[in-house]
């Protein structure tokens, strides 16, 4: 059975999916769906969402997200993270004031929401 070919993700029913209410993320296939519809994300947007969704209860600082997405050698304004979070929220129809998917943790950074 271990040698049988397995599908490489790509469907909202894949077992390796990360689900947050109506948002589903397939880190292997690098796909995201909202209410069953594909969400077109850039490489960086997907990477930020993948890092947040990997440990949904953890609040990530901007620096932690930069280290994970851009690498520890990246130098520049850490508020670049805010720009990508804004793009993600817009594409996911998320509101910063009543966030469902990406929550702001005051004084720390960001974490995943439950999708409710």
PDB file of N, CA and C in Angstrom:
ATOM      1  N   UNK A   1       0.810  -1.194   0.000  1.00  0.00           N
ATOM      2  CA  UNK A   1       0.000   0.000   0.000  1.00  0.00           C
ATOM      3  C   UNK A   1       0.855   1.259   0.000  1.00  0.00           C
ATOM      4  N   UNK A   2       2.029   1.192   0.633  1.00  0.00           N
ATOM      5  CA  UNK A   2       2.877   2.368   0.685  1.00  0.00           C
ATOM      6  C   UNK A   2       3.415   2.748  -0.683  1.00  0.00           C
ATOM      7  N   UNK A   3       3.487   1.787  -1.589  1.00  0.00           N
ATOM      8  CA  UNK A   3       4.018   2.082  -2.923  1.00  0.00           C
ATOM      9  C   UNK A   3       2.954   2.591  -3.879  1.00  0.00           C
ATOM     10  N   UNK A   4       1.699   2.552  -3.493  1.00  0.00           N
ATOM     11  CA  UNK A   4       0.640   3.031  -4.363  1.00  0.00           C
ATOM     12  C   UNK A   4       0.801   4.529  -4.591  1.00  0.00           C
ATOM     13  N   UNK A   5       0.567   4.978  -5.820  1.00  0.00           N
ATOM     14  CA  UNK A   5       0.643   6.426  -6.055  1.00  0.00           C
ATOM     15  C   UNK A   5      -0.477   7.144  -5.309  1.00  0.00           C
ATOM     16  N   UNK A   6      -0.126   8.282  -4.753  1.00  0.00           N
ATOM     17  CA  UNK A   6      -1.095   9.090  -4.028  1.00  0.00           C
ATOM     18  C   UNK A   6      -1.305  10.400  -4.755  1.00  0.00           C
ATOM     19  N   UNK A   7      -2.523  10.931  -4.718  1.00  0.00           N
ATOM     20  CA  UNK A   7      -2.748  12.230  -5.355  1.00  0.00           C
ATOM     21  C   UNK A   7      -1.934  13.315  -4.662  1.00  0.00           C
ATOM     22  N   UNK A   8      -1.509  14.312  -5.431  1.00  0.00           N
ATOM     23  CA  UNK A   8      -0.671  15.394  -4.900  1.00  0.00           C
ATOM     24  C   UNK A   8      -1.514  16.582  -4.466  1.00  0.00           C
ATOM     25  N   UNK A   9      -2.475  16.378  -3.638  1.00  0.00           N
ATOM     26  CA  UNK A   9      -3.292  17.508  -3.181  1.00  0.00           C
ATOM     27  C   UNK A   9      -4.097  18.055  -4.340  1.00  0.00           C
ATOM     28  N   UNK A  10      -4.475  19.326  -4.243  1.00  0.00           N
ATOM     29  CA  UNK A  10      -5.175  19.968  -5.328  1.00  0.00           C
ATOM     30  C   UNK A  10      -6.685  19.934  -5.199  1.00  0.00           C
ATOM     31  N   UNK A  11      -7.216  19.279  -4.170  1.00  0.00           N
ATOM     32  CA  UNK A  11      -8.651  19.284  -3.959  1.00  0.00           C
ATOM     33  C   UNK A  11      -8.945  19.665  -2.523  1.00  0.00           C
ATOM     34  N   UNK A  12     -10.082  20.305  -2.287  1.00  0.00           N
ATOM     35  CA  UNK A  12     -10.401  20.699  -0.918  1.00  0.00           C
ATOM     36  C   UNK A  12     -10.607  19.517   0.029  1.00  0.00           C
ATOM     37  N   UNK A  13     -10.644  18.283  -0.477  1.00  0.00           N
ATOM     38  CA  UNK A  13     -10.845  17.120   0.380  1.00  0.00           C
ATOM     39  C   UNK A  13      -9.534  16.439   0.762  1.00  0.00           C
ATOM     40  N   UNK A  14      -8.392  16.950   0.376  1.00  0.00           N
ATOM     41  CA  UNK A  14      -7.102  16.331   0.666  1.00  0.00           C
ATOM     42  C   UNK A  14      -6.889  16.210   2.170  1.00  0.00           C
ATOM     43  N   UNK A  15      -6.313  15.091   2.643  1.00  0.00           N
ATOM     44  CA  UNK A  15      -6.138  14.903   4.077  1.00  0.00           C
ATOM     45  C   UNK A  15      -5.134  15.863   4.723  1.00  0.00           C
ATOM     46  N   UNK A  16      -4.198  16.409   3.952  1.00  0.00           N
ATOM     47  CA  UNK A  16      -3.206  17.306   4.539  1.00  0.00           C
ATOM     48  C   UNK A  16      -3.661  18.766   4.551  1.00  0.00           C
ATOM     49  N   UNK A  17      -4.946  18.981   4.293  1.00  0.00           N
ATOM     50  CA  UNK A  17      -5.478  20.340   4.298  1.00  0.00           C
ATOM     51  C   UNK A  17      -5.510  20.937   5.700  1.00  0.00           C
ATOM     52  N   UNK A  18      -5.353  22.247   5.732  1.00  0.00           N
ATOM     53  CA  UNK A  18      -5.541  23.016   6.957  1.00  0.00           C
ATOM     54  C   UNK A  18      -6.808  23.829   6.742  1.00  0.00           C
ATOM     55  N   UNK A  19      -7.791  23.655   7.601  1.00  0.00           N
ATOM     56  CA  UNK A  19      -9.078  24.324   7.422  1.00  0.00           C
ATOM     57  C   UNK A  19      -9.349  25.299   8.556  1.00  0.00           C
ATOM     58  N   UNK A  20      -9.850  26.458   8.192  1.00  0.00           N
ATOM     59  CA  UNK A  20     -10.221  27.510   9.133  1.00  0.00           C
ATOM     60  C   UNK A  20     -11.581  28.028   8.695  1.00  0.00           C
ATOM     61  N   UNK A  21     -12.634  27.359   9.143  1.00  0.00           N
ATOM     62  CA  UNK A  21     -13.970  27.702   8.685  1.00  0.00           C
ATOM     63  C   UNK A  21     -14.059  27.479   7.184  1.00  0.00           C
ATOM     64  N   UNK A  22     -14.481  28.480   6.413  1.00  0.00           N
ATOM     65  CA  UNK A  22     -14.610  28.315   4.961  1.00  0.00           C
ATOM     66  C   UNK A  22     -13.285  28.401   4.193  1.00  0.00           C
ATOM     67  N   UNK A  23     -12.183  28.651   4.894  1.00  0.00           N
ATOM     68  CA  UNK A  23     -10.872  28.752   4.256  1.00  0.00           C
ATOM     69  C   UNK A  23     -10.138  27.419   4.386  1.00  0.00           C
ATOM     70  N   UNK A  24      -9.658  26.902   3.257  1.00  0.00           N
ATOM     71  CA  UNK A  24      -8.866  25.669   3.250  1.00  0.00           C
ATOM     72  C   UNK A  24      -7.547  25.955   2.554  1.00  0.00           C
ATOM     73  N   UNK A  25      -6.485  25.375   3.096  1.00  0.00           N
ATOM     74  CA  UNK A  25      -5.143  25.600   2.570  1.00  0.00           C
ATOM     75  C   UNK A  25      -4.453  24.256   2.381  1.00  0.00           C
ATOM     76  N   UNK A  26      -3.903  24.036   1.197  1.00  0.00           N
ATOM     77  CA  UNK A  26      -3.145  22.823   0.898  1.00  0.00           C
ATOM     78  C   UNK A  26      -1.683  23.227   0.731  1.00  0.00           C
ATOM     79  N   UNK A  27      -0.860  23.056   1.787  1.00  0.00           N
ATOM     80  CA  UNK A  27       0.531  23.489   1.702  1.00  0.00           C
ATOM     81  C   UNK A  27       1.358  22.684   0.706  1.00  0.00           C
ATOM     82  N   UNK A  28       0.986  21.441   0.454  1.00  0.00           N
ATOM     83  CA  UNK A  28       1.734  20.615  -0.493  1.00  0.00           C
ATOM     84  C   UNK A  28       1.470  21.083  -1.929  1.00  0.00           C
ATOM     85  N   UNK A  29       0.204  21.245  -2.259  1.00  0.00           N
ATOM     86  CA  UNK A  29      -0.161  21.691  -3.607  1.00  0.00           C
ATOM     87  C   UNK A  29      -0.118  23.195  -3.791  1.00  0.00           C
ATOM     88  N   UNK A  30       0.110  23.929  -2.680  1.00  0.00           N
ATOM     89  CA  UNK A  30       0.172  25.392  -2.682  1.00  0.00           C
ATOM     90  C   UNK A  30      -1.109  25.998  -3.237  1.00  0.00           C
ATOM     91  N   UNK A  31      -2.237  25.465  -2.761  1.00  0.00           N
ATOM     92  CA  UNK A  31      -3.552  25.963  -3.164  1.00  0.00           C
ATOM     93  C   UNK A  31      -4.306  26.461  -1.952  1.00  0.00           C
ATOM     94  N   UNK A  32      -5.178  27.437  -2.177  1.00  0.00           N
ATOM     95  CA  UNK A  32      -6.057  27.937  -1.137  1.00  0.00           C
ATOM     96  C   UNK A  32      -7.450  28.073  -1.724  1.00  0.00           C
ATOM     97  N   UNK A  33      -8.460  27.746  -0.905  1.00  0.00           N
ATOM     98  CA  UNK A  33      -9.849  27.862  -1.334  1.00  0.00           C
ATOM     99  C   UNK A  33     -10.631  28.607  -0.267  1.00  0.00           C
ATOM    100  N   UNK A  34     -11.560  29.417  -0.700  1.00  0.00           N
ATOM    101  CA  UNK A  34     -12.489  30.103   0.192  1.00  0.00           C
ATOM    102  C   UNK A  34     -13.887  29.750  -0.276  1.00  0.00           C
ATOM    103  N   UNK A  35     -14.649  29.103   0.584  1.00  0.00           N
ATOM    104  CA  UNK A  35     -15.982  28.608   0.225  1.00  0.00           C
ATOM    105  C   UNK A  35     -15.930  27.719  -1.011  1.00  0.00           C
ATOM    106  N   UNK A  36     -14.876  26.917  -1.129  1.00  0.00           N
ATOM    107  CA  UNK A  36     -14.736  25.984  -2.238  1.00  0.00           C
ATOM    108  C   UNK A  36     -14.207  26.588  -3.523  1.00  0.00           C
ATOM    109  N   UNK A  37     -14.026  27.889  -3.564  1.00  0.00           N
ATOM    110  CA  UNK A  37     -13.506  28.575  -4.753  1.00  0.00           C
ATOM    111  C   UNK A  37     -12.015  28.850  -4.572  1.00  0.00           C
ATOM    112  N   UNK A  38     -11.211  28.639  -5.621  1.00  0.00           N
ATOM    113  CA  UNK A  38      -9.773  28.912  -5.494  1.00  0.00           C
ATOM    114  C   UNK A  38      -9.493  30.396  -5.247  1.00  0.00           C
ATOM    115  N   UNK A  39      -8.504  30.654  -4.412  1.00  0.00           N
ATOM    116  CA  UNK A  39      -8.082  32.026  -4.110  1.00  0.00           C
ATOM    117  C   UNK A  39      -6.714  32.234  -4.767  1.00  0.00           C
ATOM    118  N   UNK A  40      -6.610  33.181  -5.709  1.00  0.00           N
ATOM    119  CA  UNK A  40      -5.311  33.420  -6.364  1.00  0.00           C
ATOM    120  C   UNK A  40      -4.369  34.191  -5.445  1.00  0.00           C
ATOM    121  N   UNK A  41      -3.340  33.513  -4.960  1.00  0.00           N
ATOM    122  CA  UNK A  41      -2.365  34.133  -4.066  1.00  0.00           C
ATOM    123  C   UNK A  41      -1.003  34.171  -4.733  1.00  0.00           C
ATOM    124  N   UNK A  42      -0.245  35.217  -4.445  1.00  0.00           N
ATOM    125  CA  UNK A  42       1.139  35.266  -4.907  1.00  0.00           C
ATOM    126  C   UNK A  42       1.958  34.282  -4.073  1.00  0.00           C
ATOM    127  N   UNK A  43       3.183  34.024  -4.484  1.00  0.00           N
ATOM    128  CA  UNK A  43       4.058  33.117  -3.743  1.00  0.00           C
ATOM    129  C   UNK A  43       4.245  33.599  -2.312  1.00  0.00           C
ATOM    130  N   UNK A  44       4.503  34.879  -2.159  1.00  0.00           N
ATOM    131  CA  UNK A  44       4.754  35.433  -0.826  1.00  0.00           C
ATOM    132  C   UNK A  44       3.492  35.404   0.023  1.00  0.00           C
ATOM    133  N   UNK A  45       2.349  35.761  -0.553  1.00  0.00           N
ATOM    134  CA  UNK A  45       1.098  35.710   0.196  1.00  0.00           C
ATOM    135  C   UNK A  45       0.827  34.292   0.683  1.00  0.00           C
ATOM    136  N   UNK A  46       1.029  33.310  -0.202  1.00  0.00           N
ATOM    137  CA  UNK A  46       0.811  31.921   0.196  1.00  0.00           C
ATOM    138  C   UNK A  46       1.773  31.523   1.308  1.00  0.00           C
ATOM    139  N   UNK A  47       3.031  31.917   1.184  1.00  0.00           N
ATOM    140  CA  UNK A  47       4.026  31.572   2.201  1.00  0.00           C
ATOM    141  C   UNK A  47       3.667  32.155   3.571  1.00  0.00           C
ATOM    142  N   UNK A  48       3.214  33.395   3.598  1.00  0.00           N
ATOM    143  CA  UNK A  48       2.809  34.016   4.863  1.00  0.00           C
ATOM    144  C   UNK A  48       1.631  33.245   5.459  1.00  0.00           C
ATOM    145  N   UNK A  49       0.641  32.932   4.635  1.00  0.00           N
ATOM    146  CA  UNK A  49      -0.521  32.194   5.107  1.00  0.00           C
ATOM    147  C   UNK A  49      -0.143  30.784   5.574  1.00  0.00           C
ATOM    148  N   UNK A  50       0.777  30.149   4.868  1.00  0.00           N
ATOM    149  CA  UNK A  50       1.220  28.801   5.252  1.00  0.00           C
ATOM    150  C   UNK A  50       1.923  28.824   6.604  1.00  0.00           C
ATOM    151  N   UNK A  51       2.768  29.826   6.841  1.00  0.00           N
ATOM    152  CA  UNK A  51       3.471  29.923   8.128  1.00  0.00           C
ATOM    153  C   UNK A  51       2.462  30.145   9.255  1.00  0.00           C
ATOM    154  N   UNK A  52       1.525  31.057   9.052  1.00  0.00           N
ATOM    155  CA  UNK A  52       0.523  31.324  10.088  1.00  0.00           C
ATOM    156  C   UNK A  52      -0.338  30.092  10.363  1.00  0.00           C
ATOM    157  N   UNK A  53      -0.708  29.381   9.311  1.00  0.00           N
ATOM    158  CA  UNK A  53      -1.611  28.237   9.470  1.00  0.00           C
ATOM    159  C   UNK A  53      -0.915  26.998  10.036  1.00  0.00           C
ATOM    160  N   UNK A  54       0.410  26.962   9.942  1.00  0.00           N
ATOM    161  CA  UNK A  54       1.151  25.815  10.458  1.00  0.00           C
ATOM    162  C   UNK A  54       1.029  25.725  11.984  1.00  0.00           C
ATOM    163  N   UNK A  55       1.011  26.873  12.634  1.00  0.00           N
ATOM    164  CA  UNK A  55       0.875  26.939  14.097  1.00  0.00           C
ATOM    165  C   UNK A  55      -0.185  27.993  14.408  1.00  0.00           C
ATOM    166  N   UNK A  56      -1.461  27.642  14.222  1.00  0.00           N
ATOM    167  CA  UNK A  56      -2.532  28.648  14.272  1.00  0.00           C
ATOM    168  C   UNK A  56      -2.733  29.333  15.624  1.00  0.00           C
ATOM    169  N   UNK A  57      -2.334  28.712  16.711  1.00  0.00           N
ATOM    170  CA  UNK A  57      -2.526  29.336  18.018  1.00  0.00           C
ATOM    171  C   UNK A  57      -1.375  30.253  18.403  1.00  0.00           C
ATOM    172  N   UNK A  58      -0.292  30.221  17.638  1.00  0.00           N
ATOM    173  CA  UNK A  58       0.883  31.028  17.956  1.00  0.00           C
ATOM    174  C   UNK A  58       0.770  32.425  17.345  1.00  0.00           C
ATOM    175  N   UNK A  59       1.084  33.419  18.150  1.00  0.00           N
ATOM    176  CA  UNK A  59       1.152  34.787  17.655  1.00  0.00           C
ATOM    177  C   UNK A  59       2.574  35.020  17.140  1.00  0.00           C
ATOM    178  N   UNK A  60       2.692  35.318  15.857  1.00  0.00           N
ATOM    179  CA  UNK A  60       3.993  35.555  15.226  1.00  0.00           C
ATOM    180  C   UNK A  60       4.292  37.043  15.196  1.00  0.00           C
ATOM    181  N   UNK A  61       5.507  37.409  15.564  1.00  0.00           N
ATOM    182  CA  UNK A  61       5.940  38.794  15.410  1.00  0.00           C
ATOM    183  C   UNK A  61       6.284  39.022  13.937  1.00  0.00           C
ATOM    184  N   UNK A  62       6.406  40.268  13.557  1.00  0.00           N
ATOM    185  CA  UNK A  62       6.816  40.581  12.176  1.00  0.00           C
ATOM    186  C   UNK A  62       8.161  39.926  11.873  1.00  0.00           C
ATOM    187  N   UNK A  63       9.075  40.014  12.814  1.00  0.00           N
ATOM    188  CA  UNK A  63      10.423  39.452  12.590  1.00  0.00           C
ATOM    189  C   UNK A  63      10.367  37.939  12.402  1.00  0.00           C
ATOM    190  N   UNK A  64       9.542  37.257  13.179  1.00  0.00           N
ATOM    191  CA  UNK A  64       9.409  35.807  13.022  1.00  0.00           C
ATOM    192  C   UNK A  64       8.855  35.456  11.641  1.00  0.00           C
ATOM    193  N   UNK A  65       7.874  36.214  11.179  1.00  0.00           N
ATOM    194  CA  UNK A  65       7.324  35.962   9.845  1.00  0.00           C
ATOM    195  C   UNK A  65       8.364  36.242   8.765  1.00  0.00           C
ATOM    196  N   UNK A  66       9.112  37.317   8.921  1.00  0.00           N
ATOM    197  CA  UNK A  66      10.161  37.632   7.956  1.00  0.00           C
ATOM    198  C   UNK A  66      11.192  36.511   7.912  1.00  0.00           C
ATOM    199  N   UNK A  67      11.627  36.039   9.071  1.00  0.00           N
ATOM    200  CA  UNK A  67      12.618  34.957   9.114  1.00  0.00           C
ATOM    201  C   UNK A  67      12.111  33.713   8.409  1.00  0.00           C
ATOM    202  N   UNK A  68      10.836  33.385   8.589  1.00  0.00           N
ATOM    203  CA  UNK A  68      10.276  32.164   8.005  1.00  0.00           C
ATOM    204  C   UNK A  68       9.982  32.310   6.513  1.00  0.00           C
ATOM    205  N   UNK A  69       9.535  33.485   6.087  1.00  0.00           N
ATOM    206  CA  UNK A  69       9.120  33.668   4.691  1.00  0.00           C
ATOM    207  C   UNK A  69      10.256  34.196   3.811  1.00  0.00           C
ATOM    208  N   UNK A  70      10.937  35.229   4.258  1.00  0.00           N
ATOM    209  CA  UNK A  70      11.980  35.852   3.447  1.00  0.00           C
ATOM    210  C   UNK A  70      13.377  35.354   3.800  1.00  0.00           C
ATOM    211  N   UNK A  71      13.555  34.774   4.978  1.00  0.00           N
ATOM    212  CA  UNK A  71      14.861  34.278   5.407  1.00  0.00           C
ATOM    213  C   UNK A  71      15.492  35.197   6.434  1.00  0.00           C
ATOM    214  N   UNK A  72      16.365  34.642   7.237  1.00  0.00           N
ATOM    215  CA  UNK A  72      16.977  35.387   8.338  1.00  0.00           C
ATOM    216  C   UNK A  72      17.942  36.462   7.871  1.00  0.00           C
ATOM    217  N   UNK A  73      18.399  36.393   6.642  1.00  0.00           N
ATOM    218  CA  UNK A  73      19.344  37.397   6.147  1.00  0.00           C
ATOM    219  C   UNK A  73      18.643  38.622   5.547  1.00  0.00           C
ATOM    220  N   UNK A  74      17.309  38.585   5.472  1.00  0.00           N
ATOM    221  CA  UNK A  74      16.565  39.702   4.883  1.00  0.00           C
ATOM    222  C   UNK A  74      16.715  40.941   5.752  1.00  0.00           C
ATOM    223  N   UNK A  75      16.974  42.073   5.113  1.00  0.00           N
ATOM    224  CA  UNK A  75      17.131  43.339   5.818  1.00  0.00           C
ATOM    225  C   UNK A  75      16.195  44.352   5.172  1.00  0.00           C
ATOM    226  N   UNK A  76      15.479  45.083   5.990  1.00  0.00           N
ATOM    227  CA  UNK A  76      14.568  46.097   5.474  1.00  0.00           C
ATOM    228  C   UNK A  76      13.516  46.433   6.513  1.00  0.00           C
ATOM    229  N   UNK A  77      12.498  47.130   6.070  1.00  0.00           N
ATOM    230  CA  UNK A  77      11.423  47.559   6.954  1.00  0.00           C
ATOM    231  C   UNK A  77      10.505  46.378   7.269  1.00  0.00           C
ATOM    232  N   UNK A  78      10.347  46.082   8.549  1.00  0.00           N
ATOM    233  CA  UNK A  78       9.521  44.952   8.969  1.00  0.00           C
ATOM    234  C   UNK A  78       8.041  45.172   8.683  1.00  0.00           C
ATOM    235  N   UNK A  79       7.647  46.392   8.389  1.00  0.00           N
ATOM    236  CA  UNK A  79       6.245  46.673   8.081  1.00  0.00           C
ATOM    237  C   UNK A  79       5.842  46.145   6.714  1.00  0.00           C
ATOM    238  N   UNK A  80       6.790  45.583   5.989  1.00  0.00           N
ATOM    239  CA  UNK A  80       6.485  44.882   4.743  1.00  0.00           C
ATOM    240  C   UNK A  80       5.489  43.762   5.024  1.00  0.00           C
ATOM    241  N   UNK A  81       5.587  43.158   6.191  1.00  0.00           N
ATOM    242  CA  UNK A  81       4.653  42.098   6.589  1.00  0.00           C
ATOM    243  C   UNK A  81       3.223  42.642   6.593  1.00  0.00           C
ATOM    244  N   UNK A  82       3.038  43.855   7.116  1.00  0.00           N
ATOM    245  CA  UNK A  82       1.708  44.458   7.177  1.00  0.00           C
ATOM    246  C   UNK A  82       1.100  44.606   5.786  1.00  0.00           C
ATOM    247  N   UNK A  83       1.926  44.939   4.810  1.00  0.00           N
ATOM    248  CA  UNK A  83       1.453  45.092   3.434  1.00  0.00           C
ATOM    249  C   UNK A  83       0.918  43.763   2.912  1.00  0.00           C
ATOM    250  N   UNK A  84       1.667  42.688   3.128  1.00  0.00           N
ATOM    251  CA  UNK A  84       1.235  41.374   2.647  1.00  0.00           C
ATOM    252  C   UNK A  84       0.017  40.868   3.416  1.00  0.00           C
ATOM    253  N   UNK A  85      -0.055  41.154   4.698  1.00  0.00           N
ATOM    254  CA  UNK A  85      -1.233  40.793   5.487  1.00  0.00           C
ATOM    255  C   UNK A  85      -2.450  41.534   4.933  1.00  0.00           C
ATOM    256  N   UNK A  86      -2.284  42.798   4.597  1.00  0.00           N
ATOM    257  CA  UNK A  86      -3.373  43.583   4.004  1.00  0.00           C
ATOM    258  C   UNK A  86      -3.854  42.991   2.693  1.00  0.00           C
ATOM    259  N   UNK A  87      -2.918  42.558   1.850  1.00  0.00           N
ATOM    260  CA  UNK A  87      -3.290  41.925   0.582  1.00  0.00           C
ATOM    261  C   UNK A  87      -4.050  40.627   0.829  1.00  0.00           C
ATOM    262  N   UNK A  88      -3.553  39.836   1.781  1.00  0.00           N
ATOM    263  CA  UNK A  88      -4.233  38.580   2.111  1.00  0.00           C
ATOM    264  C   UNK A  88      -5.645  38.844   2.618  1.00  0.00           C
ATOM    265  N   UNK A  89      -5.782  39.791   3.516  1.00  0.00           N
ATOM    266  CA  UNK A  89      -7.111  40.095   4.059  1.00  0.00           C
ATOM    267  C   UNK A  89      -8.064  40.533   2.956  1.00  0.00           C
ATOM    268  N   UNK A  90      -7.589  41.326   2.031  1.00  0.00           N
ATOM    269  CA  UNK A  90      -8.432  41.787   0.934  1.00  0.00           C
ATOM    270  C   UNK A  90      -8.888  40.603   0.078  1.00  0.00           C
ATOM    271  N   UNK A  91      -7.954  39.705  -0.254  1.00  0.00           N
ATOM    272  CA  UNK A  91      -8.293  38.555  -1.099  1.00  0.00           C
ATOM    273  C   UNK A  91      -9.203  37.560  -0.386  1.00  0.00           C
ATOM    274  N   UNK A  92      -9.101  37.499   0.948  1.00  0.00           N
ATOM    275  CA  UNK A  92      -9.927  36.572   1.719  1.00  0.00           C
ATOM    276  C   UNK A  92     -11.228  37.210   2.206  1.00  0.00           C
ATOM    277  N   UNK A  93     -11.422  38.491   1.887  1.00  0.00           N
ATOM    278  CA  UNK A  93     -12.615  39.190   2.350  1.00  0.00           C
ATOM    279  C   UNK A  93     -12.646  39.327   3.860  1.00  0.00           C
ATOM    280  N   UNK A  94     -11.468  39.445   4.446  1.00  0.00           N
ATOM    281  CA  UNK A  94     -11.323  39.535   5.899  1.00  0.00           C
ATOM    282  C   UNK A  94     -11.237  40.998   6.299  1.00  0.00           C
ATOM    283  N   UNK A  95     -11.826  41.338   7.429  1.00  0.00           N
ATOM    284  CA  UNK A  95     -11.802  42.703   7.936  1.00  0.00           C
ATOM    285  C   UNK A  95     -10.918  42.752   9.179  1.00  0.00           C
ATOM    286  N   UNK A  96      -9.987  43.666   9.214  1.00  0.00           N
ATOM    287  CA  UNK A  96      -9.056  43.753  10.348  1.00  0.00           C
ATOM    288  C   UNK A  96      -9.790  43.974  11.661  1.00  0.00           C
ATOM    289  N   UNK A  97     -10.898  44.701  11.622  1.00  0.00           N
ATOM    290  CA  UNK A  97     -11.649  44.980  12.840  1.00  0.00           C
ATOM    291  C   UNK A  97     -12.402  43.773  13.384  1.00  0.00           C
ATOM    292  N   UNK A  98     -12.832  42.898  12.491  1.00  0.00           N
ATOM    293  CA  UNK A  98     -13.560  41.681  12.889  1.00  0.00           C
ATOM    294  C   UNK A  98     -12.966  40.511  12.103  1.00  0.00           C
ATOM    295  N   UNK A  99     -11.686  40.259  12.321  1.00  0.00           N
ATOM    296  CA  UNK A  99     -10.952  39.272  11.530  1.00  0.00           C
ATOM    297  C   UNK A  99     -11.447  37.853  11.783  1.00  0.00           C
ATOM    298  N   UNK A 100     -11.616  37.111  10.682  1.00  0.00           N
ATOM    299  CA  UNK A 100     -11.974  35.699  10.776  1.00  0.00           C
ATOM    300  C   UNK A 100     -10.751  34.820  10.587  1.00  0.00           C
ATOM    301  N   UNK A 101      -9.859  35.222   9.683  1.00  0.00           N
ATOM    302  CA  UNK A 101      -8.752  34.355   9.289  1.00  0.00           C
ATOM    303  C   UNK A 101      -7.401  34.812   9.826  1.00  0.00           C
ATOM    304  N   UNK A 102      -7.086  36.082   9.679  1.00  0.00           N
ATOM    305  CA  UNK A 102      -5.793  36.602  10.144  1.00  0.00           C
ATOM    306  C   UNK A 102      -6.075  37.644  11.214  1.00  0.00           C
ATOM    307  N   UNK A 103      -5.707  37.299  12.435  1.00  0.00           N
ATOM    308  CA  UNK A 103      -5.996  38.179  13.563  1.00  0.00           C
ATOM    309  C   UNK A 103      -4.753  38.956  13.968  1.00  0.00           C
ATOM    310  N   UNK A 104      -4.972  40.209  14.315  1.00  0.00           N
ATOM    311  CA  UNK A 104      -3.896  41.038  14.839  1.00  0.00           C
ATOM    312  C   UNK A 104      -3.820  40.829  16.344  1.00  0.00           C
ATOM    313  N   UNK A 105      -2.611  40.574  16.830  1.00  0.00           N
ATOM    314  CA  UNK A 105      -2.380  40.449  18.268  1.00  0.00           C
ATOM    315  C   UNK A 105      -1.628  41.710  18.670  1.00  0.00           C
ATOM    316  N   UNK A 106      -2.324  42.609  19.330  1.00  0.00           N
ATOM    317  CA  UNK A 106      -1.751  43.912  19.657  1.00  0.00           C
ATOM    318  C   UNK A 106      -0.428  43.776  20.392  1.00  0.00           C
ATOM    319  N   UNK A 107       0.558  44.539  19.921  1.00  0.00           N
ATOM    320  CA  UNK A 107       1.869  44.554  20.549  1.00  0.00           C
ATOM    321  C   UNK A 107       2.751  43.372  20.181  1.00  0.00           C
ATOM    322  N   UNK A 108       2.212  42.403  19.440  1.00  0.00           N
ATOM    323  CA  UNK A 108       2.981  41.213  19.073  1.00  0.00           C
ATOM    324  C   UNK A 108       3.083  41.089  17.552  1.00  0.00           C
ATOM    325  N   UNK A 109       1.963  40.836  16.898  1.00  0.00           N
ATOM    326  CA  UNK A 109       1.970  40.607  15.452  1.00  0.00           C
ATOM    327  C   UNK A 109       0.674  40.002  14.981  1.00  0.00           C
ATOM    328  N   UNK A 110       0.733  38.783  14.420  1.00  0.00           N
ATOM    329  CA  UNK A 110      -0.426  38.159  13.796  1.00  0.00           C
ATOM    330  C   UNK A 110      -0.508  36.673  14.135  1.00  0.00           C
ATOM    331  N   UNK A 111      -1.736  36.151  14.060  1.00  0.00           N
ATOM    332  CA  UNK A 111      -1.964  34.722  14.186  1.00  0.00           C
ATOM    333  C   UNK A 111      -3.204  34.354  13.371  1.00  0.00           C
ATOM    334  N   UNK A 112      -3.402  33.061  13.149  1.00  0.00           N
ATOM    335  CA  UNK A 112      -4.563  32.602  12.404  1.00  0.00           C
ATOM    336  C   UNK A 112      -5.793  32.657  13.295  1.00  0.00           C
ATOM    337  N   UNK A 113      -6.927  32.939  12.656  1.00  0.00           N
ATOM    338  CA  UNK A 113      -8.213  32.873  13.343  1.00  0.00           C
ATOM    339  C   UNK A 113      -8.891  31.554  13.001  1.00  0.00           C
ATOM    340  N   UNK A 114     -10.003  31.297  13.624  1.00  0.00           N
ATOM    341  CA  UNK A 114     -10.711  30.037  13.420  1.00  0.00           C
ATOM    342  C   UNK A 114     -11.590  30.053  12.184  1.00  0.00           C
ATOM    343  N   UNK A 115     -11.794  31.212  11.597  1.00  0.00           N
ATOM    344  CA  UNK A 115     -12.645  31.320  10.426  1.00  0.00           C
ATOM    345  C   UNK A 115     -14.083  31.642  10.771  1.00  0.00           C
ATOM    346  N   UNK A 116     -14.359  31.816  12.056  1.00  0.00           N
ATOM    347  CA  UNK A 116     -15.736  32.111  12.487  1.00  0.00           C
ATOM    348  C   UNK A 116     -15.973  33.593  12.563  1.00  0.00           C
TER     349      UNK A 116
END
